[in-house]
Amino acid sequence: MIINYLSEDNMIFIWKGYGFLVPFIAAAVVAITTLLLSAIFHPKQPYDVCIGVLAAAVAIWYAGNHFNSPAKDRVMIDKATGQEFLIKPDHSLFFIKMQYWAYIVGAIGLFFLIAVLFSSK
């Protein structure tokens, strides 16, 4: 586990494995999706960011399932006792596994979408 102090304001960023990639994946997918949709639909639509956040949730889910795959479990045997230990991959951000961050990001995307739908009327 890595605890990282980001600034003098005592902000803490806690992750294990590749869990630190969650905000970077989200930011990259939202930026790319927003740029592509604004290029395709010439006037900027308020739905661009909503669709980008939902696409980021899908990307985070796939990345989390890839990194935390049960196929990557390893069995270690203690030579002294002969006891077996199962070692599972753990890639998490703030103690939440990567694939579960997809539900959090998806809920934020749905909240944005509902806010945009009700604000445009």
PDB file of N, CA and C in Angstrom:
ATOM      1  N   MET A   1       0.856  -1.172   0.000  1.00  0.00           N
ATOM      2  CA  MET A   1       0.000   0.000   0.000  1.00  0.00           C
ATOM      3  C   MET A   1       0.892   1.222   0.000  1.00  0.00           C
ATOM      4  N   ILE A   2       0.518   2.196  -0.762  1.00  0.00           N
ATOM      5  CA  ILE A   2       1.274   3.430  -0.860  1.00  0.00           C
ATOM      6  C   ILE A   2       0.389   4.568  -0.390  1.00  0.00           C
ATOM      7  N   ILE A   3       0.915   5.348   0.541  1.00  0.00           N
ATOM      8  CA  ILE A   3       0.233   6.554   0.990  1.00  0.00           C
ATOM      9  C   ILE A   3       1.075   7.712   0.497  1.00  0.00           C
ATOM     10  N   ASN A   4       0.478   8.602  -0.241  1.00  0.00           N
ATOM     11  CA  ASN A   4       1.225   9.675  -0.860  1.00  0.00           C
ATOM     12  C   ASN A   4       0.628  11.011  -0.435  1.00  0.00           C
ATOM     13  N   TYR A   5       1.454  11.877   0.123  1.00  0.00           N
ATOM     14  CA  TYR A   5       1.023  13.233   0.447  1.00  0.00           C
ATOM     15  C   TYR A   5       1.216  14.091  -0.787  1.00  0.00           C
ATOM     16  N   LEU A   6       0.132  14.637  -1.309  1.00  0.00           N
ATOM     17  CA  LEU A   6       0.202  15.374  -2.565  1.00  0.00           C
ATOM     18  C   LEU A   6       0.575  16.836  -2.390  1.00  0.00           C
ATOM     19  N   SER A   7       0.240  17.421  -1.279  1.00  0.00           N
ATOM     20  CA  SER A   7       0.530  18.841  -1.103  1.00  0.00           C
ATOM     21  C   SER A   7       0.744  19.136   0.366  1.00  0.00           C
ATOM     22  N   GLU A   8       0.989  20.383   0.648  1.00  0.00           N
ATOM     23  CA  GLU A   8       1.187  20.797   2.030  1.00  0.00           C
ATOM     24  C   GLU A   8      -0.120  20.858   2.809  1.00  0.00           C
ATOM     25  N   ASP A   9      -1.241  20.730   2.120  1.00  0.00           N
ATOM     26  CA  ASP A   9      -2.546  20.776   2.776  1.00  0.00           C
ATOM     27  C   ASP A   9      -2.936  19.425   3.359  1.00  0.00           C
ATOM     28  N   ASN A  10      -1.990  18.477   3.398  1.00  0.00           N
ATOM     29  CA  ASN A  10      -2.191  17.140   3.947  1.00  0.00           C
ATOM     30  C   ASN A  10      -3.252  16.338   3.208  1.00  0.00           C
ATOM     31  N   MET A  11      -3.294  16.462   1.896  1.00  0.00           N
ATOM     32  CA  MET A  11      -4.184  15.647   1.085  1.00  0.00           C
ATOM     33  C   MET A  11      -3.510  14.294   0.877  1.00  0.00           C
ATOM     34  N   ILE A  12      -4.235  13.227   1.140  1.00  0.00           N
ATOM     35  CA  ILE A  12      -3.654  11.891   1.062  1.00  0.00           C
ATOM     36  C   ILE A  12      -4.270  11.143  -0.114  1.00  0.00           C
ATOM     37  N   PHE A  13      -3.437  10.431  -0.847  1.00  0.00           N
ATOM     38  CA  PHE A  13      -3.839   9.629  -1.992  1.00  0.00           C
ATOM     39  C   PHE A  13      -3.371   8.210  -1.702  1.00  0.00           C
ATOM     40  N   ILE A  14      -4.303   7.269  -1.488  1.00  0.00           N
ATOM     41  CA  ILE A  14      -3.961   5.914  -1.078  1.00  0.00           C
ATOM     42  C   ILE A  14      -4.321   4.947  -2.203  1.00  0.00           C
ATOM     43  N   TRP A  15      -3.352   4.101  -2.590  1.00  0.00           N
ATOM     44  CA  TRP A  15      -3.633   3.110  -3.616  1.00  0.00           C
ATOM     45  C   TRP A  15      -2.780   1.871  -3.404  1.00  0.00           C
ATOM     46  N   LYS A  16      -3.211   0.786  -4.047  1.00  0.00           N
ATOM     47  CA  LYS A  16      -2.438  -0.448  -4.124  1.00  0.00           C
ATOM     48  C   LYS A  16      -2.338  -0.825  -5.585  1.00  0.00           C
ATOM     49  N   GLY A  17      -1.192  -1.326  -5.985  1.00  0.00           N
ATOM     50  CA  GLY A  17      -1.004  -1.780  -7.362  1.00  0.00           C
ATOM     51  C   GLY A  17      -1.232  -0.663  -8.361  1.00  0.00           C
ATOM     52  N   TYR A  18      -2.091  -0.937  -9.331  1.00  0.00           N
ATOM     53  CA  TYR A  18      -2.392   0.048 -10.371  1.00  0.00           C
ATOM     54  C   TYR A  18      -3.643   0.868 -10.059  1.00  0.00           C
ATOM     55  N   GLY A  19      -4.057   0.918  -8.821  1.00  0.00           N
ATOM     56  CA  GLY A  19      -5.247   1.670  -8.438  1.00  0.00           C
ATOM     57  C   GLY A  19      -5.138   3.156  -8.704  1.00  0.00           C
ATOM     58  N   PHE A  20      -3.903   3.656  -8.746  1.00  0.00           N
ATOM     59  CA  PHE A  20      -3.717   5.088  -9.016  1.00  0.00           C
ATOM     60  C   PHE A  20      -4.158   5.466 -10.423  1.00  0.00           C
ATOM     61  N   LEU A  21      -4.374   4.485 -11.296  1.00  0.00           N
ATOM     62  CA  LEU A  21      -4.769   4.776 -12.677  1.00  0.00           C
ATOM     63  C   LEU A  21      -6.235   5.185 -12.826  1.00  0.00           C
ATOM     64  N   VAL A  22      -7.047   4.943 -11.810  1.00  0.00           N
ATOM     65  CA  VAL A  22      -8.485   5.236 -11.914  1.00  0.00           C
ATOM     66  C   VAL A  22      -8.747   6.699 -12.303  1.00  0.00           C
ATOM     67  N   PRO A  23      -8.201   7.697 -11.594  1.00  0.00           N
ATOM     68  CA  PRO A  23      -8.493   9.075 -12.019  1.00  0.00           C
ATOM     69  C   PRO A  23      -7.873   9.429 -13.368  1.00  0.00           C
ATOM     70  N   PHE A  24      -6.743   8.822 -13.691  1.00  0.00           N
ATOM     71  CA  PHE A  24      -6.116   9.112 -14.978  1.00  0.00           C
ATOM     72  C   PHE A  24      -6.926   8.516 -16.133  1.00  0.00           C
ATOM     73  N   ILE A  25      -7.423   7.295 -15.950  1.00  0.00           N
ATOM     74  CA  ILE A  25      -8.277   6.685 -16.976  1.00  0.00           C
ATOM     75  C   ILE A  25      -9.547   7.516 -17.153  1.00  0.00           C
ATOM     76  N   ALA A  26     -10.150   7.910 -16.046  1.00  0.00           N
ATOM     77  CA  ALA A  26     -11.382   8.701 -16.118  1.00  0.00           C
ATOM     78  C   ALA A  26     -11.144  10.023 -16.836  1.00  0.00           C
ATOM     79  N   ALA A  27     -10.094  10.726 -16.467  1.00  0.00           N
ATOM     80  CA  ALA A  27      -9.817  12.027 -17.088  1.00  0.00           C
ATOM     81  C   ALA A  27      -9.509  11.873 -18.577  1.00  0.00           C
ATOM     82  N   ALA A  28      -8.726  10.868 -18.936  1.00  0.00           N
ATOM     83  CA  ALA A  28      -8.358  10.679 -20.338  1.00  0.00           C
ATOM     84  C   ALA A  28      -9.571  10.313 -21.187  1.00  0.00           C
ATOM     85  N   VAL A  29     -10.393   9.388 -20.705  1.00  0.00           N
ATOM     86  CA  VAL A  29     -11.560   8.959 -21.490  1.00  0.00           C
ATOM     87  C   VAL A  29     -12.580  10.087 -21.613  1.00  0.00           C
ATOM     88  N   VAL A  30     -12.797  10.839 -20.532  1.00  0.00           N
ATOM     89  CA  VAL A  30     -13.735  11.968 -20.600  1.00  0.00           C
ATOM     90  C   VAL A  30     -13.228  13.012 -21.588  1.00  0.00           C
ATOM     91  N   ALA A  31     -11.939  13.329 -21.536  1.00  0.00           N
ATOM     92  CA  ALA A  31     -11.386  14.341 -22.442  1.00  0.00           C
ATOM     93  C   ALA A  31     -11.475  13.893 -23.902  1.00  0.00           C
ATOM     94  N   ILE A  32     -11.088  12.657 -24.173  1.00  0.00           N
ATOM     95  CA  ILE A  32     -11.106  12.166 -25.554  1.00  0.00           C
ATOM     96  C   ILE A  32     -12.541  12.077 -26.079  1.00  0.00           C
ATOM     97  N   THR A  33     -13.446  11.552 -25.269  1.00  0.00           N
ATOM     98  CA  THR A  33     -14.845  11.427 -25.701  1.00  0.00           C
ATOM     99  C   THR A  33     -15.477  12.794 -25.931  1.00  0.00           C
ATOM    100  N   THR A  34     -15.206  13.738 -25.042  1.00  0.00           N
ATOM    101  CA  THR A  34     -15.763  15.081 -25.199  1.00  0.00           C
ATOM    102  C   THR A  34     -15.222  15.752 -26.459  1.00  0.00           C
ATOM    103  N   LEU A  35     -13.926  15.600 -26.704  1.00  0.00           N
ATOM    104  CA  LEU A  35     -13.344  16.193 -27.916  1.00  0.00           C
ATOM    105  C   LEU A  35     -13.911  15.550 -29.180  1.00  0.00           C
ATOM    106  N   LEU A  36     -14.040  14.232 -29.187  1.00  0.00           N
ATOM    107  CA  LEU A  36     -14.577  13.557 -30.370  1.00  0.00           C
ATOM    108  C   LEU A  36     -16.036  13.920 -30.618  1.00  0.00           C
ATOM    109  N   LEU A  37     -16.835  13.931 -29.576  1.00  0.00           N
ATOM    110  CA  LEU A  37     -18.246  14.264 -29.766  1.00  0.00           C
ATOM    111  C   LEU A  37     -18.453  15.715 -30.158  1.00  0.00           C
ATOM    112  N   SER A  38     -17.624  16.618 -29.628  1.00  0.00           N
ATOM    113  CA  SER A  38     -17.766  18.017 -30.028  1.00  0.00           C
ATOM    114  C   SER A  38     -17.270  18.237 -31.456  1.00  0.00           C
ATOM    115  N   ALA A  39     -16.355  17.377 -31.922  1.00  0.00           N
ATOM    116  CA  ALA A  39     -15.901  17.478 -33.314  1.00  0.00           C
ATOM    117  C   ALA A  39     -16.949  16.897 -34.267  1.00  0.00           C
ATOM    118  N   ILE A  40     -17.624  15.841 -33.854  1.00  0.00           N
ATOM    119  CA  ILE A  40     -18.632  15.221 -34.708  1.00  0.00           C
ATOM    120  C   ILE A  40     -19.889  16.083 -34.773  1.00  0.00           C
ATOM    121  N   PHE A  41     -20.386  16.481 -33.614  1.00  0.00           N
ATOM    122  CA  PHE A  41     -21.559  17.352 -33.542  1.00  0.00           C
ATOM    123  C   PHE A  41     -21.053  18.764 -33.320  1.00  0.00           C
ATOM    124  N   HIS A  42     -21.003  19.526 -34.404  1.00  0.00           N
ATOM    125  CA  HIS A  42     -20.280  20.801 -34.389  1.00  0.00           C
ATOM    126  C   HIS A  42     -20.627  21.713 -33.218  1.00  0.00           C
ATOM    127  N   PRO A  43     -21.890  22.034 -32.951  1.00  0.00           N
ATOM    128  CA  PRO A  43     -22.134  22.836 -31.750  1.00  0.00           C
ATOM    129  C   PRO A  43     -21.945  21.969 -30.504  1.00  0.00           C
ATOM    130  N   LYS A  44     -21.323  22.544 -29.520  1.00  0.00           N
ATOM    131  CA  LYS A  44     -21.055  21.787 -28.303  1.00  0.00           C
ATOM    132  C   LYS A  44     -22.355  21.431 -27.605  1.00  0.00           C
ATOM    133  N   GLN A  45     -22.536  20.151 -27.366  1.00  0.00           N
ATOM    134  CA  GLN A  45     -23.733  19.648 -26.705  1.00  0.00           C
ATOM    135  C   GLN A  45     -23.446  19.455 -25.221  1.00  0.00           C
ATOM    136  N   PRO A  46     -24.419  19.674 -24.364  1.00  0.00           N
ATOM    137  CA  PRO A  46     -24.182  19.461 -22.937  1.00  0.00           C
ATOM    138  C   PRO A  46     -24.066  17.981 -22.570  1.00  0.00           C
ATOM    139  N   TYR A  47     -24.422  17.101 -23.505  1.00  0.00           N
ATOM    140  CA  TYR A  47     -24.374  15.673 -23.224  1.00  0.00           C
ATOM    141  C   TYR A  47     -22.979  15.089 -23.409  1.00  0.00           C
ATOM    142  N   ASP A  48     -22.063  15.843 -23.995  1.00  0.00           N
ATOM    143  CA  ASP A  48     -20.729  15.323 -24.279  1.00  0.00           C
ATOM    144  C   ASP A  48     -20.027  14.822 -23.022  1.00  0.00           C
ATOM    145  N   VAL A  49     -20.033  15.611 -21.984  1.00  0.00           N
ATOM    146  CA  VAL A  49     -19.351  15.230 -20.748  1.00  0.00           C
ATOM    147  C   VAL A  49     -20.068  14.052 -20.091  1.00  0.00           C
ATOM    148  N   CYS A  50     -21.387  14.024 -20.142  1.00  0.00           N
ATOM    149  CA  CYS A  50     -22.152  12.910 -19.545  1.00  0.00           C
ATOM    150  C   CYS A  50     -21.785  11.590 -20.214  1.00  0.00           C
ATOM    151  N   ILE A  51     -21.751  11.594 -21.527  1.00  0.00           N
ATOM    152  CA  ILE A  51     -21.390  10.387 -22.267  1.00  0.00           C
ATOM    153  C   ILE A  51     -19.933  10.025 -21.987  1.00  0.00           C
ATOM    154  N   GLY A  52     -19.074  11.029 -21.860  1.00  0.00           N
ATOM    155  CA  GLY A  52     -17.670  10.779 -21.542  1.00  0.00           C
ATOM    156  C   GLY A  52     -17.482  10.127 -20.184  1.00  0.00           C
ATOM    157  N   VAL A  53     -18.238  10.577 -19.193  1.00  0.00           N
ATOM    158  CA  VAL A  53     -18.131   9.993 -17.848  1.00  0.00           C
ATOM    159  C   VAL A  53     -18.651   8.560 -17.859  1.00  0.00           C
ATOM    160  N   LEU A  54     -19.740   8.298 -18.581  1.00  0.00           N
ATOM    161  CA  LEU A  54     -20.248   6.933 -18.675  1.00  0.00           C
ATOM    162  C   LEU A  54     -19.266   6.032 -19.423  1.00  0.00           C
ATOM    163  N   ALA A  55     -18.615   6.550 -20.463  1.00  0.00           N
ATOM    164  CA  ALA A  55     -17.593   5.773 -21.172  1.00  0.00           C
ATOM    165  C   ALA A  55     -16.391   5.518 -20.267  1.00  0.00           C
ATOM    166  N   ALA A  56     -16.052   6.479 -19.421  1.00  0.00           N
ATOM    167  CA  ALA A  56     -14.949   6.289 -18.471  1.00  0.00           C
ATOM    168  C   ALA A  56     -15.277   5.187 -17.481  1.00  0.00           C
ATOM    169  N   ALA A  57     -16.541   5.097 -17.058  1.00  0.00           N
ATOM    170  CA  ALA A  57     -16.948   4.030 -16.143  1.00  0.00           C
ATOM    171  C   ALA A  57     -16.749   2.664 -16.788  1.00  0.00           C
ATOM    172  N   VAL A  58     -17.094   2.557 -18.058  1.00  0.00           N
ATOM    173  CA  VAL A  58     -16.898   1.285 -18.769  1.00  0.00           C
ATOM    174  C   VAL A  58     -15.412   0.955 -18.873  1.00  0.00           C
ATOM    175  N   ALA A  59     -14.585   1.940 -19.196  1.00  0.00           N
ATOM    176  CA  ALA A  59     -13.138   1.715 -19.314  1.00  0.00           C
ATOM    177  C   ALA A  59     -12.529   1.310 -17.973  1.00  0.00           C
ATOM    178  N   ILE A  60     -12.965   1.939 -16.894  1.00  0.00           N
ATOM    179  CA  ILE A  60     -12.448   1.600 -15.564  1.00  0.00           C
ATOM    180  C   ILE A  60     -12.872   0.189 -15.182  1.00  0.00           C
ATOM    181  N   TRP A  61     -14.089  -0.197 -15.528  1.00  0.00           N
ATOM    182  CA  TRP A  61     -14.562  -1.545 -15.214  1.00  0.00           C
ATOM    183  C   TRP A  61     -13.716  -2.596 -15.928  1.00  0.00           C
ATOM    184  N   TYR A  62     -13.451  -2.370 -17.217  1.00  0.00           N
ATOM    185  CA  TYR A  62     -12.622  -3.323 -17.966  1.00  0.00           C
ATOM    186  C   TYR A  62     -11.195  -3.365 -17.424  1.00  0.00           C
ATOM    187  N   ALA A  63     -10.627  -2.217 -17.112  1.00  0.00           N
ATOM    188  CA  ALA A  63      -9.260  -2.196 -16.572  1.00  0.00           C
ATOM    189  C   ALA A  63      -9.204  -2.887 -15.215  1.00  0.00           C
ATOM    190  N   GLY A  64     -10.182  -2.632 -14.362  1.00  0.00           N
ATOM    191  CA  GLY A  64     -10.216  -3.264 -13.049  1.00  0.00           C
ATOM    192  C   GLY A  64     -10.371  -4.767 -13.139  1.00  0.00           C
ATOM    193  N   ASN A  65     -11.243  -5.227 -14.027  1.00  0.00           N
ATOM    194  CA  ASN A  65     -11.405  -6.668 -14.204  1.00  0.00           C
ATOM    195  C   ASN A  65     -10.158  -7.310 -14.785  1.00  0.00           C
ATOM    196  N   HIS A  66      -9.447  -6.588 -15.619  1.00  0.00           N
ATOM    197  CA  HIS A  66      -8.200  -7.122 -16.178  1.00  0.00           C
ATOM    198  C   HIS A  66      -7.125  -7.234 -15.095  1.00  0.00           C
ATOM    199  N   PHE A  67      -6.929  -6.180 -14.333  1.00  0.00           N
ATOM    200  CA  PHE A  67      -5.864  -6.177 -13.330  1.00  0.00           C
ATOM    201  C   PHE A  67      -6.180  -7.072 -12.131  1.00  0.00           C
ATOM    202  N   ASN A  68      -7.433  -7.163 -11.726  1.00  0.00           N
ATOM    203  CA  ASN A  68      -7.830  -7.968 -10.566  1.00  0.00           C
ATOM    204  C   ASN A  68      -8.415  -9.315 -10.974  1.00  0.00           C
ATOM    205  N   SER A  69      -8.034  -9.824 -12.114  1.00  0.00           N
ATOM    206  CA  SER A  69      -8.573 -11.071 -12.631  1.00  0.00           C
ATOM    207  C   SER A  69      -8.225 -12.258 -11.731  1.00  0.00           C
ATOM    208  N   PRO A  70      -9.197 -13.144 -11.480  1.00  0.00           N
ATOM    209  CA  PRO A  70      -8.892 -14.349 -10.695  1.00  0.00           C
ATOM    210  C   PRO A  70      -7.883 -15.265 -11.390  1.00  0.00           C
ATOM    211  N   ALA A  71      -7.718 -15.107 -12.688  1.00  0.00           N
ATOM    212  CA  ALA A  71      -6.725 -15.917 -13.402  1.00  0.00           C
ATOM    213  C   ALA A  71      -5.304 -15.569 -12.976  1.00  0.00           C
ATOM    214  N   LYS A  72      -5.140 -14.412 -12.354  1.00  0.00           N
ATOM    215  CA  LYS A  72      -3.812 -13.985 -11.902  1.00  0.00           C
ATOM    216  C   LYS A  72      -3.521 -14.403 -10.462  1.00  0.00           C
ATOM    217  N   ASP A  73      -4.444 -15.165  -9.851  1.00  0.00           N
ATOM    218  CA  ASP A  73      -4.191 -15.678  -8.503  1.00  0.00           C
ATOM    219  C   ASP A  73      -3.013 -16.644  -8.552  1.00  0.00           C
ATOM    220  N   ARG A  74      -2.213 -16.631  -7.488  1.00  0.00           N
ATOM    221  CA  ARG A  74      -1.052 -17.520  -7.410  1.00  0.00           C
ATOM    222  C   ARG A  74      -1.101 -18.287  -6.096  1.00  0.00           C
ATOM    223  N   VAL A  75      -0.706 -19.535  -6.147  1.00  0.00           N
ATOM    224  CA  VAL A  75      -0.624 -20.367  -4.947  1.00  0.00           C
ATOM    225  C   VAL A  75       0.843 -20.491  -4.574  1.00  0.00           C
ATOM    226  N   MET A  76       1.169 -20.094  -3.347  1.00  0.00           N
ATOM    227  CA  MET A  76       2.532 -20.224  -2.833  1.00  0.00           C
ATOM    228  C   MET A  76       2.529 -21.307  -1.761  1.00  0.00           C
ATOM    229  N   ILE A  77       3.594 -22.049  -1.684  1.00  0.00           N
ATOM    230  CA  ILE A  77       3.717 -23.109  -0.684  1.00  0.00           C
ATOM    231  C   ILE A  77       4.879 -22.771   0.237  1.00  0.00           C
ATOM    232  N   ASP A  78       4.603 -22.755   1.534  1.00  0.00           N
ATOM    233  CA  ASP A  78       5.638 -22.525   2.533  1.00  0.00           C
ATOM    234  C   ASP A  78       6.490 -23.788   2.634  1.00  0.00           C
ATOM    235  N   LYS A  79       7.795 -23.661   2.385  1.00  0.00           N
ATOM    236  CA  LYS A  79       8.672 -24.826   2.378  1.00  0.00           C
ATOM    237  C   LYS A  79       8.792 -25.463   3.762  1.00  0.00           C
ATOM    238  N   ALA A  80       8.725 -24.667   4.794  1.00  0.00           N
ATOM    239  CA  ALA A  80       8.910 -25.203   6.146  1.00  0.00           C
ATOM    240  C   ALA A  80       7.702 -26.011   6.613  1.00  0.00           C
ATOM    241  N   THR A  81       6.492 -25.520   6.328  1.00  0.00           N
ATOM    242  CA  THR A  81       5.292 -26.189   6.845  1.00  0.00           C
ATOM    243  C   THR A  81       4.511 -26.932   5.775  1.00  0.00           C
ATOM    244  N   GLY A  82       4.736 -26.619   4.510  1.00  0.00           N
ATOM    245  CA  GLY A  82       3.984 -27.233   3.428  1.00  0.00           C
ATOM    246  C   GLY A  82       2.603 -26.628   3.245  1.00  0.00           C
ATOM    247  N   GLN A  83       2.307 -25.547   3.960  1.00  0.00           N
ATOM    248  CA  GLN A  83       1.007 -24.891   3.883  1.00  0.00           C
ATOM    249  C   GLN A  83       0.921 -24.060   2.607  1.00  0.00           C
ATOM    250  N   GLU A  84      -0.245 -24.086   1.978  1.00  0.00           N
ATOM    251  CA  GLU A  84      -0.465 -23.325   0.752  1.00  0.00           C
ATOM    252  C   GLU A  84      -1.111 -21.984   1.068  1.00  0.00           C
ATOM    253  N   PHE A  85      -0.683 -20.951   0.345  1.00  0.00           N
ATOM    254  CA  PHE A  85      -1.241 -19.604   0.483  1.00  0.00           C
ATOM    255  C   PHE A  85      -1.700 -19.140  -0.886  1.00  0.00           C
ATOM    256  N   LEU A  86      -2.884 -18.563  -0.927  1.00  0.00           N
ATOM    257  CA  LEU A  86      -3.408 -18.005  -2.162  1.00  0.00           C
ATOM    258  C   LEU A  86      -3.132 -16.512  -2.163  1.00  0.00           C
ATOM    259  N   ILE A  87      -2.412 -16.053  -3.170  1.00  0.00           N
ATOM    260  CA  ILE A  87      -2.093 -14.630  -3.301  1.00  0.00           C
ATOM    261  C   ILE A  87      -2.909 -14.079  -4.460  1.00  0.00           C
ATOM    262  N   LYS A  88      -3.773 -13.120  -4.146  1.00  0.00           N
ATOM    263  CA  LYS A  88      -4.650 -12.511  -5.148  1.00  0.00           C
ATOM    264  C   LYS A  88      -4.134 -11.117  -5.476  1.00  0.00           C
ATOM    265  N   PRO A  89      -4.299 -10.682  -6.731  1.00  0.00           N
ATOM    266  CA  PRO A  89      -3.910  -9.313  -7.061  1.00  0.00           C
ATOM    267  C   PRO A  89      -4.845  -8.313  -6.383  1.00  0.00           C
ATOM    268  N   ASP A  90      -4.285  -7.190  -5.976  1.00  0.00           N
ATOM    269  CA  ASP A  90      -5.101  -6.165  -5.321  1.00  0.00           C
ATOM    270  C   ASP A  90      -4.710  -4.814  -5.892  1.00  0.00           C
ATOM    271  N   HIS A  91      -5.551  -4.309  -6.757  1.00  0.00           N
ATOM    272  CA  HIS A  91      -5.356  -2.997  -7.359  1.00  0.00           C
ATOM    273  C   HIS A  91      -6.541  -2.146  -6.928  1.00  0.00           C
ATOM    274  N   SER A  92      -6.297  -1.218  -6.007  1.00  0.00           N
ATOM    275  CA  SER A  92      -7.394  -0.453  -5.423  1.00  0.00           C
ATOM    276  C   SER A  92      -6.993   0.999  -5.218  1.00  0.00           C
ATOM    277  N   LEU A  93      -8.009   1.835  -5.118  1.00  0.00           N
ATOM    278  CA  LEU A  93      -7.838   3.253  -4.827  1.00  0.00           C
ATOM    279  C   LEU A  93      -8.712   3.569  -3.628  1.00  0.00           C
ATOM    280  N   PHE A  94      -8.121   4.098  -2.579  1.00  0.00           N
ATOM    281  CA  PHE A  94      -8.834   4.381  -1.323  1.00  0.00           C
ATOM    282  C   PHE A  94      -9.585   3.135  -0.832  1.00  0.00           C
ATOM    283  N   PHE A  95      -8.926   1.993  -0.894  1.00  0.00           N
ATOM    284  CA  PHE A  95      -9.418   0.713  -0.391  1.00  0.00           C
ATOM    285  C   PHE A  95     -10.609   0.169  -1.167  1.00  0.00           C
ATOM    286  N   ILE A  96     -10.906   0.735  -2.333  1.00  0.00           N
ATOM    287  CA  ILE A  96     -11.978   0.247  -3.200  1.00  0.00           C
ATOM    288  C   ILE A  96     -11.327  -0.291  -4.468  1.00  0.00           C
ATOM    289  N   LYS A  97     -11.615  -1.560  -4.807  1.00  0.00           N
ATOM    290  CA  LYS A  97     -11.010  -2.166  -5.993  1.00  0.00           C
ATOM    291  C   LYS A  97     -11.377  -1.377  -7.247  1.00  0.00           C
ATOM    292  N   MET A  98     -10.482  -1.449  -8.232  1.00  0.00           N
ATOM    293  CA  MET A  98     -10.646  -0.647  -9.442  1.00  0.00           C
ATOM    294  C   MET A  98     -11.991  -0.869 -10.125  1.00  0.00           C
ATOM    295  N   GLN A  99     -12.410  -2.116 -10.268  1.00  0.00           N
ATOM    296  CA  GLN A  99     -13.645  -2.372 -11.009  1.00  0.00           C
ATOM    297  C   GLN A  99     -14.866  -1.812 -10.302  1.00  0.00           C
ATOM    298  N   TYR A 100     -14.810  -1.648  -8.989  1.00  0.00           N
ATOM    299  CA  TYR A 100     -15.951  -1.074  -8.272  1.00  0.00           C
ATOM    300  C   TYR A 100     -16.008   0.444  -8.414  1.00  0.00           C
ATOM    301  N   TRP A 101     -14.894   1.066  -8.755  1.00  0.00           N
ATOM    302  CA  TRP A 101     -14.914   2.499  -9.039  1.00  0.00           C
ATOM    303  C   TRP A 101     -15.769   2.790 -10.274  1.00  0.00           C
ATOM    304  N   ALA A 102     -15.934   1.812 -11.137  1.00  0.00           N
ATOM    305  CA  ALA A 102     -16.769   2.005 -12.325  1.00  0.00           C
ATOM    306  C   ALA A 102     -18.214   2.322 -11.933  1.00  0.00           C
ATOM    307  N   TYR A 103     -18.718   1.684 -10.885  1.00  0.00           N
ATOM    308  CA  TYR A 103     -20.083   1.965 -10.439  1.00  0.00           C
ATOM    309  C   TYR A 103     -20.197   3.377  -9.868  1.00  0.00           C
ATOM    310  N   ILE A 104     -19.168   3.816  -9.161  1.00  0.00           N
ATOM    311  CA  ILE A 104     -19.169   5.167  -8.595  1.00  0.00           C
ATOM    312  C   ILE A 104     -19.118   6.203  -9.714  1.00  0.00           C
ATOM    313  N   VAL A 105     -18.218   6.003 -10.668  1.00  0.00           N
ATOM    314  CA  VAL A 105     -18.090   6.938 -11.796  1.00  0.00           C
ATOM    315  C   VAL A 105     -19.354   6.893 -12.656  1.00  0.00           C
ATOM    316  N   GLY A 106     -19.926   5.708 -12.854  1.00  0.00           N
ATOM    317  CA  GLY A 106     -21.168   5.592 -13.615  1.00  0.00           C
ATOM    318  C   GLY A 106     -22.326   6.319 -12.940  1.00  0.00           C
ATOM    319  N   ALA A 107     -22.400   6.238 -11.615  1.00  0.00           N
ATOM    320  CA  ALA A 107     -23.447   6.962 -10.885  1.00  0.00           C
ATOM    321  C   ALA A 107     -23.275   8.472 -11.038  1.00  0.00           C
ATOM    322  N   ILE A 108     -22.036   8.932 -11.035  1.00  0.00           N
ATOM    323  CA  ILE A 108     -21.770  10.358 -11.254  1.00  0.00           C
ATOM    324  C   ILE A 108     -22.204  10.754 -12.667  1.00  0.00           C
ATOM    325  N   GLY A 109     -21.910   9.898 -13.648  1.00  0.00           N
ATOM    326  CA  GLY A 109     -22.324  10.170 -15.024  1.00  0.00           C
ATOM    327  C   GLY A 109     -23.835  10.232 -15.171  1.00  0.00           C
ATOM    328  N   LEU A 110     -24.533   9.313 -14.514  1.00  0.00           N
ATOM    329  CA  LEU A 110     -26.002   9.349 -14.562  1.00  0.00           C
ATOM    330  C   LEU A 110     -26.554  10.590 -13.875  1.00  0.00           C
ATOM    331  N   PHE A 111     -25.935  11.001 -12.777  1.00  0.00           N
ATOM    332  CA  PHE A 111     -26.341  12.224 -12.096  1.00  0.00           C
ATOM    333  C   PHE A 111     -26.165  13.431 -13.015  1.00  0.00           C
ATOM    334  N   PHE A 112     -25.027  13.499 -13.713  1.00  0.00           N
ATOM    335  CA  PHE A 112     -24.789  14.589 -14.672  1.00  0.00           C
ATOM    336  C   PHE A 112     -25.836  14.558 -15.779  1.00  0.00           C
ATOM    337  N   LEU A 113     -26.145  13.355 -16.286  1.00  0.00           N
ATOM    338  CA  LEU A 113     -27.104  13.228 -17.370  1.00  0.00           C
ATOM    339  C   LEU A 113     -28.498  13.681 -16.936  1.00  0.00           C
ATOM    340  N   ILE A 114     -28.917  13.285 -15.757  1.00  0.00           N
ATOM    341  CA  ILE A 114     -30.213  13.707 -15.235  1.00  0.00           C
ATOM    342  C   ILE A 114     -30.230  15.222 -15.025  1.00  0.00           C
ATOM    343  N   ALA A 115     -29.133  15.764 -14.501  1.00  0.00           N
ATOM    344  CA  ALA A 115     -29.054  17.221 -14.290  1.00  0.00           C
ATOM    345  C   ALA A 115     -29.151  17.967 -15.614  1.00  0.00           C
ATOM    346  N   VAL A 116     -28.497  17.461 -16.657  1.00  0.00           N
ATOM    347  CA  VAL A 116     -28.539  18.106 -17.966  1.00  0.00           C
ATOM    348  C   VAL A 116     -29.947  17.998 -18.560  1.00  0.00           C
ATOM    349  N   LEU A 117     -30.576  16.843 -18.421  1.00  0.00           N
ATOM    350  CA  LEU A 117     -31.919  16.666 -18.986  1.00  0.00           C
ATOM    351  C   LEU A 117     -32.934  17.596 -18.335  1.00  0.00           C
ATOM    352  N   PHE A 118     -32.840  17.765 -17.015  1.00  0.00           N
ATOM    353  CA  PHE A 118     -33.805  18.623 -16.327  1.00  0.00           C
ATOM    354  C   PHE A 118     -33.460  20.103 -16.450  1.00  0.00           C
ATOM    355  N   SER A 119     -32.219  20.434 -16.683  1.00  0.00           N
ATOM    356  CA  SER A 119     -31.852  21.853 -16.805  1.00  0.00           C
ATOM    357  C   SER A 119     -32.140  22.391 -18.201  1.00  0.00           C
ATOM    358  N   SER A 120     -32.234  21.524 -19.207  1.00  0.00           N
ATOM    359  CA  SER A 120     -32.455  22.006 -20.564  1.00  0.00           C
ATOM    360  C   SER A 120     -33.928  22.294 -20.856  1.00  0.00           C
ATOM    361  N   LYS A 121     -34.816  21.908 -19.961  1.00  0.00           N
ATOM    362  CA  LYS A 121     -36.254  22.151 -20.203  1.00  0.00           C
ATOM    363  C   LYS A 121     -36.708  23.468 -19.662  1.00  0.00           C
TER     364      LYS A 121
END
